[in-house]
Protein backbone atom coordinates (compact mmCIF):
# COMPACT_ATOMS: atom_id res chain seq x y z
CA UNK A 1 28.46 8.83 -1.68
CA UNK A 2 25.34 10.98 -1.61
CA UNK A 3 24.38 12.77 1.58
CA UNK A 4 22.36 10.40 3.75
CA UNK A 5 19.07 11.42 5.32
CA UNK A 6 17.67 9.71 8.40
CA UNK A 7 14.77 10.63 10.72
CA UNK A 8 12.69 13.79 10.57
CA UNK A 9 9.43 11.85 10.73
CA UNK A 10 9.14 12.20 14.53
CA UNK A 11 8.59 8.39 14.53
CA UNK A 12 5.30 8.78 12.61
CA UNK A 13 4.69 6.58 9.56
CA UNK A 14 3.03 8.39 6.64
CA UNK A 15 -0.77 8.53 6.82
CA UNK A 16 -2.57 8.35 3.49
CA UNK A 17 -4.14 11.81 3.84
CA UNK A 18 -1.05 13.68 5.03
CA UNK A 19 0.51 14.44 1.66
CA UNK A 20 -2.62 16.09 0.28
CA UNK A 21 -3.16 17.94 3.55
CA UNK A 22 0.37 19.33 3.59
CA UNK A 23 0.32 20.33 -0.08
CA UNK A 24 -3.02 22.12 0.31
CA UNK A 25 -1.46 24.15 3.14
CA UNK A 26 1.42 25.20 0.89
CA UNK A 27 -0.84 25.90 -2.09
CA UNK A 28 -2.74 28.44 0.01
CA UNK A 29 0.52 30.33 0.59
CA UNK A 30 1.05 29.15 4.17
CA UNK A 31 4.10 27.52 5.70
CA UNK A 32 5.05 24.84 8.18
CA UNK A 33 5.27 27.16 11.18
CA UNK A 34 3.46 27.45 14.51
CA UNK A 35 0.24 28.42 12.73
CA UNK A 36 0.32 25.13 10.82
CA UNK A 37 -0.67 23.33 14.02
CA UNK A 38 -4.04 25.07 13.87
CA UNK A 39 -4.34 24.94 10.07
CA UNK A 40 -3.67 21.21 9.89
CA UNK A 41 -5.43 20.32 13.13
CA UNK A 42 -2.59 18.16 14.42
CA UNK A 43 0.17 18.48 17.00
CA UNK A 44 3.56 20.09 16.40
CA UNK A 45 5.32 16.74 15.99
CA UNK A 46 2.81 15.64 13.36
CA UNK A 47 3.28 18.94 11.51
CA UNK A 48 7.00 18.17 11.37
CA UNK A 49 6.23 14.64 10.18
CA UNK A 50 3.97 15.87 7.36
CA UNK A 51 6.70 18.30 6.33
CA UNK A 52 9.23 15.47 6.31
CA UNK A 53 7.09 13.09 4.23
CA UNK A 54 6.46 15.74 1.58
CA UNK A 55 10.24 15.94 1.17
CA UNK A 56 10.72 12.17 1.32
CA UNK A 57 8.20 11.59 -1.47
CA UNK A 58 9.87 14.34 -3.54
CA UNK A 59 6.72 16.48 -3.67
CA UNK A 60 8.34 19.80 -2.73
CA UNK A 61 11.35 21.73 -4.02
CA UNK A 62 14.28 23.16 -2.07
CA UNK A 63 12.13 26.13 -1.00
CA UNK A 64 9.49 23.69 0.28
CA UNK A 65 7.01 24.63 -2.41
CA UNK A 66 4.88 22.05 -4.26
CA UNK A 67 6.69 20.90 -7.39
CA UNK A 68 5.55 19.56 -10.76
CA UNK A 69 5.09 16.04 -9.40
CA UNK A 70 2.87 17.34 -6.59
CA UNK A 71 0.68 19.16 -9.09
CA UNK A 72 0.60 16.16 -11.43
CA UNK A 73 -0.78 13.90 -8.68
CA UNK A 74 -2.48 16.02 -6.02
CA UNK A 75 -3.79 19.25 -7.56
CA UNK A 76 -7.58 19.50 -7.15
CA UNK A 77 -8.15 20.44 -10.80
CA UNK A 78 -5.09 19.12 -12.64
CA UNK A 79 -4.07 16.13 -10.54
CA UNK A 80 -4.53 12.53 -11.62
CA UNK A 81 -5.56 11.28 -8.16
CA UNK A 82 -5.66 14.02 -5.48
CA UNK A 83 -7.08 11.76 -2.76
CA UNK A 84 -5.11 8.58 -3.58
CA UNK A 85 -8.17 6.56 -4.54
CA UNK A 86 -6.30 4.25 -6.95
CA UNK A 87 -3.54 1.88 -5.72
CA UNK A 88 -1.56 2.83 -8.85
CA UNK A 89 -0.86 6.17 -7.17
CA UNK A 90 0.66 4.41 -4.18
CA UNK A 91 2.99 2.48 -6.50
CA UNK A 92 4.00 5.77 -8.10
CA UNK A 93 4.68 7.41 -4.73
CA UNK A 94 6.68 4.38 -3.60
CA UNK A 95 8.84 4.73 -6.71
CA UNK A 96 9.74 8.32 -5.86
CA UNK A 97 10.30 7.52 -2.19
CA UNK A 98 12.91 4.92 -3.18
CA UNK A 99 14.61 6.68 -6.09
CA UNK A 100 14.85 10.28 -4.89
CA UNK A 101 16.88 9.40 -1.77
CA UNK A 102 15.26 12.03 0.46
CA UNK A 103 14.94 9.30 3.09
CA UNK A 104 17.93 7.04 2.61
CA UNK A 105 16.58 3.85 4.16
CA UNK A 106 14.12 3.26 1.31
CA UNK A 107 16.81 3.51 -1.35
CA UNK A 108 19.13 1.22 0.58
CA UNK A 109 16.57 -1.46 1.41
CA UNK A 110 15.06 -1.88 -2.04
CA UNK A 111 18.23 -1.42 -4.08
CA UNK A 112 20.84 -3.17 -1.95
CA UNK A 113 19.82 -4.79 1.33
CA UNK A 114 17.02 -7.04 0.09
CA UNK A 115 19.38 -8.46 -2.56
CA UNK A 116 21.94 -9.30 0.11
CA UNK A 117 19.46 -10.88 2.50
CA UNK A 118 16.40 -12.75 1.29
CA UNK A 119 15.17 -12.86 4.88
CA UNK A 120 16.07 -10.38 7.59
CA UNK A 121 15.15 -9.21 11.05
CA UNK A 122 15.11 -5.68 12.40
CA UNK A 123 18.54 -5.98 14.04
CA UNK A 124 20.12 -7.08 10.75
CA UNK A 125 18.55 -4.13 8.96
CA UNK A 126 19.90 -1.74 11.59
CA UNK A 127 23.39 -3.27 11.36
CA UNK A 128 23.36 -2.85 7.58
CA UNK A 129 22.29 0.80 7.84
CA UNK A 130 24.92 1.54 10.48
CA UNK A 131 27.55 0.13 8.12
CA UNK A 132 26.32 2.36 5.29
CA UNK A 133 26.50 5.41 7.54
CA UNK A 134 30.03 4.46 8.62
CA UNK A 135 31.06 4.12 4.96
CA UNK A 136 29.66 7.57 4.22
CA UNK A 137 31.72 9.23 6.95
CA UNK A 138 28.67 11.08 8.21
CA UNK A 139 27.84 11.48 11.87
CA UNK A 140 24.38 9.99 12.32
CA UNK A 141 23.39 8.65 15.73
CA UNK A 142 22.48 4.97 15.91
CA UNK A 143 19.21 5.84 17.65
CA UNK A 144 18.13 7.73 14.52
CA UNK A 145 18.80 4.65 12.42
CA UNK A 146 16.78 2.46 14.80
CA UNK A 147 13.83 4.85 14.53
CA UNK A 148 14.04 4.82 10.74
CA UNK A 149 14.06 1.02 10.64
CA UNK A 150 10.97 0.89 12.85
CA UNK A 151 9.07 3.46 10.79
CA UNK A 152 10.10 1.77 7.53
CA UNK A 153 8.45 -1.46 8.68
CA UNK A 154 5.39 0.39 9.99
CA UNK A 155 4.92 2.05 6.60
CA UNK A 156 4.69 -1.25 4.73
CA UNK A 157 3.00 -3.47 7.33
CA UNK A 158 -0.23 -3.42 9.30
CA UNK A 159 0.15 -3.62 13.10
CA UNK A 160 0.09 -7.07 14.70
CA UNK A 161 -2.14 -5.72 17.47
CA UNK A 162 -5.14 -3.69 16.37
CA UNK A 163 -5.42 -0.25 17.97
CA UNK A 164 -8.28 0.86 15.75
CA UNK A 165 -9.43 0.98 12.15
CA UNK A 166 -7.74 4.34 11.58
CA UNK A 167 -4.41 2.99 12.79
CA UNK A 168 -4.79 -0.14 10.67
CA UNK A 169 -5.71 1.36 7.34
CA UNK A 170 -4.27 4.86 7.27
CA UNK A 171 -0.78 3.57 6.46
CA UNK A 172 -0.05 4.77 2.95
CA UNK A 173 2.14 1.94 1.67
CA UNK A 174 0.79 -1.23 3.26
CA UNK A 175 -1.58 -1.95 0.33
CA UNK A 176 1.39 -2.70 -1.90
CA UNK A 177 2.19 -5.84 0.12
CA UNK A 178 5.88 -5.43 -0.63
CA UNK A 179 7.12 -6.53 2.79
CA UNK A 180 6.08 -9.86 4.31
CA UNK A 181 6.36 -10.65 8.02
CA UNK A 182 6.69 -14.14 9.51
CA UNK A 183 7.99 -16.22 12.40
CA UNK A 184 10.89 -18.62 11.89
CA UNK A 185 10.09 -22.06 13.28
CA UNK A 186 10.17 -22.21 17.06
CA UNK A 187 12.84 -19.51 17.44
CA UNK A 188 12.32 -17.33 20.53
CA UNK A 189 13.94 -14.18 21.86
CA UNK A 190 16.21 -14.93 24.83
CA UNK A 191 15.14 -11.72 26.60
CA UNK A 192 11.35 -12.04 26.50
CA UNK A 193 10.75 -15.59 25.22
CA UNK A 194 8.63 -14.21 22.36
CA UNK A 195 8.96 -15.29 18.76
CA UNK A 196 10.84 -12.54 16.88
CA UNK A 197 9.54 -11.22 13.59
CA UNK A 198 11.39 -11.86 10.35
CA UNK A 199 10.79 -10.04 7.08
CA UNK A 200 11.30 -10.55 3.36
CA UNK A 201 10.72 -8.62 0.13
CA UNK A 202 10.09 -11.12 -2.64
CA UNK A 203 10.11 -10.46 -6.36
CA UNK A 204 6.54 -11.13 -7.51
CA UNK A 205 4.34 -10.88 -10.59
CA UNK A 206 2.53 -7.74 -9.25
CA UNK A 207 -0.69 -8.09 -11.25
CA UNK A 208 -2.09 -5.01 -9.46
CA UNK A 209 0.73 -2.78 -10.76
CA UNK A 210 -0.53 -1.10 -13.97
CA UNK A 211 1.82 -1.19 -16.95
CA UNK A 212 1.15 2.55 -17.36
CA UNK A 213 2.93 3.22 -14.05
CA UNK A 214 5.85 1.01 -15.10
CA UNK A 215 6.13 2.79 -18.46
CA UNK A 216 5.96 6.18 -16.74
CA UNK A 217 8.78 5.26 -14.36
CA UNK A 218 10.95 3.86 -17.15
CA UNK A 219 10.60 7.08 -19.13
CA UNK A 220 11.24 9.22 -16.04
CA UNK A 221 14.54 7.45 -15.32
CA UNK A 222 17.32 9.80 -16.54
CA UNK A 223 19.75 6.89 -16.92
CA UNK A 224 17.84 5.39 -19.84
CA UNK A 225 17.85 6.22 -23.52
CA UNK A 226 15.65 4.77 -26.25
CA UNK A 227 17.08 1.24 -25.93
CA UNK A 228 17.07 -0.47 -22.54
CA UNK A 229 18.08 -4.05 -21.88
CA UNK A 230 15.84 -6.39 -19.92
CA UNK A 231 18.68 -6.84 -17.44
CA UNK A 232 18.80 -3.10 -16.79
CA UNK A 233 15.05 -2.94 -16.29
CA UNK A 234 15.16 -5.98 -14.04
CA UNK A 235 18.14 -5.43 -11.76
CA UNK A 236 19.73 -1.98 -12.07
CA UNK A 237 19.54 0.30 -9.07
CA UNK A 238 16.33 2.35 -9.20
CA UNK A 239 15.01 0.22 -12.07
CA UNK A 240 11.34 -0.74 -12.17
CA UNK A 241 12.23 -4.38 -11.51
CA UNK A 242 14.23 -3.47 -8.43
CA UNK A 243 11.99 -0.76 -6.96
CA UNK A 244 8.72 -2.62 -7.52
CA UNK A 245 10.21 -6.04 -6.61
CA UNK A 246 9.03 -7.51 -9.91
CA UNK A 247 9.72 -11.09 -10.91
CA UNK A 248 11.15 -11.61 -14.40
CA UNK A 249 7.79 -12.95 -15.57
CA UNK A 250 6.02 -9.96 -14.05
CA UNK A 251 8.37 -7.50 -15.73
CA UNK A 252 8.05 -9.35 -19.03
CA UNK A 253 4.27 -9.09 -18.79
CA UNK A 254 4.47 -5.32 -18.25
CA UNK A 255 6.78 -4.95 -21.25
CA UNK A 256 4.42 -7.04 -23.40
CA UNK A 257 1.55 -4.74 -22.38
CA UNK A 258 3.59 -1.67 -23.33
CA UNK A 259 4.40 -3.11 -26.76
CA UNK A 260 0.85 -4.36 -27.36
CA UNK A 261 -0.82 -1.07 -26.45
CA UNK A 262 1.72 1.17 -28.20
CA UNK A 263 2.52 -0.76 -31.35
CA UNK A 264 5.04 1.01 -33.54
CA UNK A 265 6.25 3.21 -30.72
CA UNK A 266 7.66 0.45 -28.51
CA UNK A 267 9.36 -2.76 -29.65
CA UNK A 268 10.84 -5.64 -27.67
CA UNK A 269 13.54 -7.72 -29.33
CA UNK A 270 15.35 -10.90 -28.32
CA UNK A 271 18.49 -11.29 -30.42
CA UNK A 272 20.53 -14.27 -29.31
CA UNK A 273 19.35 -13.93 -25.74
CA UNK A 274 19.98 -10.17 -25.63
CA UNK A 275 16.55 -8.80 -24.76
CA UNK A 276 15.98 -5.09 -25.36
CA UNK A 277 13.02 -2.72 -25.06
CA UNK A 278 13.25 -0.01 -27.71
CA UNK A 279 11.24 3.15 -28.10
CA UNK A 280 11.01 3.93 -31.82
CA UNK A 281 9.32 7.31 -31.39
CA UNK A 282 8.53 9.54 -28.47
CA UNK A 283 5.90 8.14 -26.14
CA UNK A 284 4.05 10.70 -24.03
CA UNK A 285 4.21 8.70 -20.81
CA UNK A 286 2.44 11.39 -18.81
CA UNK A 287 -0.48 11.46 -21.23
CA UNK A 288 -0.67 7.66 -21.11
CA UNK A 289 -0.79 7.69 -17.32
CA UNK A 290 -3.42 10.44 -17.35
CA UNK A 291 -5.52 8.33 -19.72
CA UNK A 292 -5.30 5.42 -17.27
CA UNK A 293 -6.86 7.72 -14.66
CA UNK A 294 -9.48 8.93 -17.13
CA UNK A 295 -7.97 12.41 -17.34
C-alpha cells in the first residue's frame, strides 16, 4: 500500500485564493519560512496550511517548487485560469487532489468509501479511515484522522451557520456540489438531542463539467492507452466517472461531445455491448483545454 498522508492543514480548509498566493511566493524565489508570515499576511498556522494544500493539489515538486501543472493553471502569463474564475478549474483541481494521493482521505472517499456506503455519517467515515490506516501498518493517530474527516467535509460543504460571506464562499471546492448533507428522519443524537448530519456523494449528470476537462483527465491518466472501455472510464479507481461522480448518462454525454468535436481523432464503438472509446490519432488535450479557456 502507498504511504498514507493525513493532516498538515492545521485544520484549515483550502481557501480559493491560497493556491495562487502560495505559488506566487515560490515564484519570487521565497520559501515557506518565518518570513512567509509577513509575505503572505497570515498567521504561522495558515502558512503551514497553504504549504500543505499546494502539496495536496500536486502543484509543487519534491523540492517544493511550482511544477508544470502549477504553471499550466496559475502562471500570470501562461496559466489558463490564474485566479480560478471558471468552475472548470475547480473540477481540474479536484481531480488532482483525489488522484495524486498527497492527502489520502480524498483518494479513499471518492474511489472506495462512497461505493461501499451510499449514505454515511462522520463517525462511519472515521471508522473506515482508521481501518485503512490499520491495514497499512502505519502509525497515524486517530485524532489526525478525525481532523481530516472534518476538513474534508468543510472543503465540499458550506457551513450550516453563517459566520460571514468570506467564510461561506472562500471554500474552494463547495461549488462542485459533490457532497450532499441531510438529516435522516427524526433521528437524534443521544448526547445532545440534535439531529446528526448524514452525507452522500451521488453519481450525477454534471452538466457544469466541461467535456474538455474530462478529455484532459482521460489523457493524463497513465493507466490508459488509445482504447479505453466505458466500464474503465466509469468505475476504475481514479477514472473520470469515479473521481467526478458521473452517472453513466453523464459520462456518455461527455464521450459524445469528445467524438462530435474531434471527429476522426476520437471514435466510440459499441460492439455487442462492449463499449470502447478509441483515439485514432494523437489529441493535444492541453491545447484543447487551453482553447476552452480562450488561450
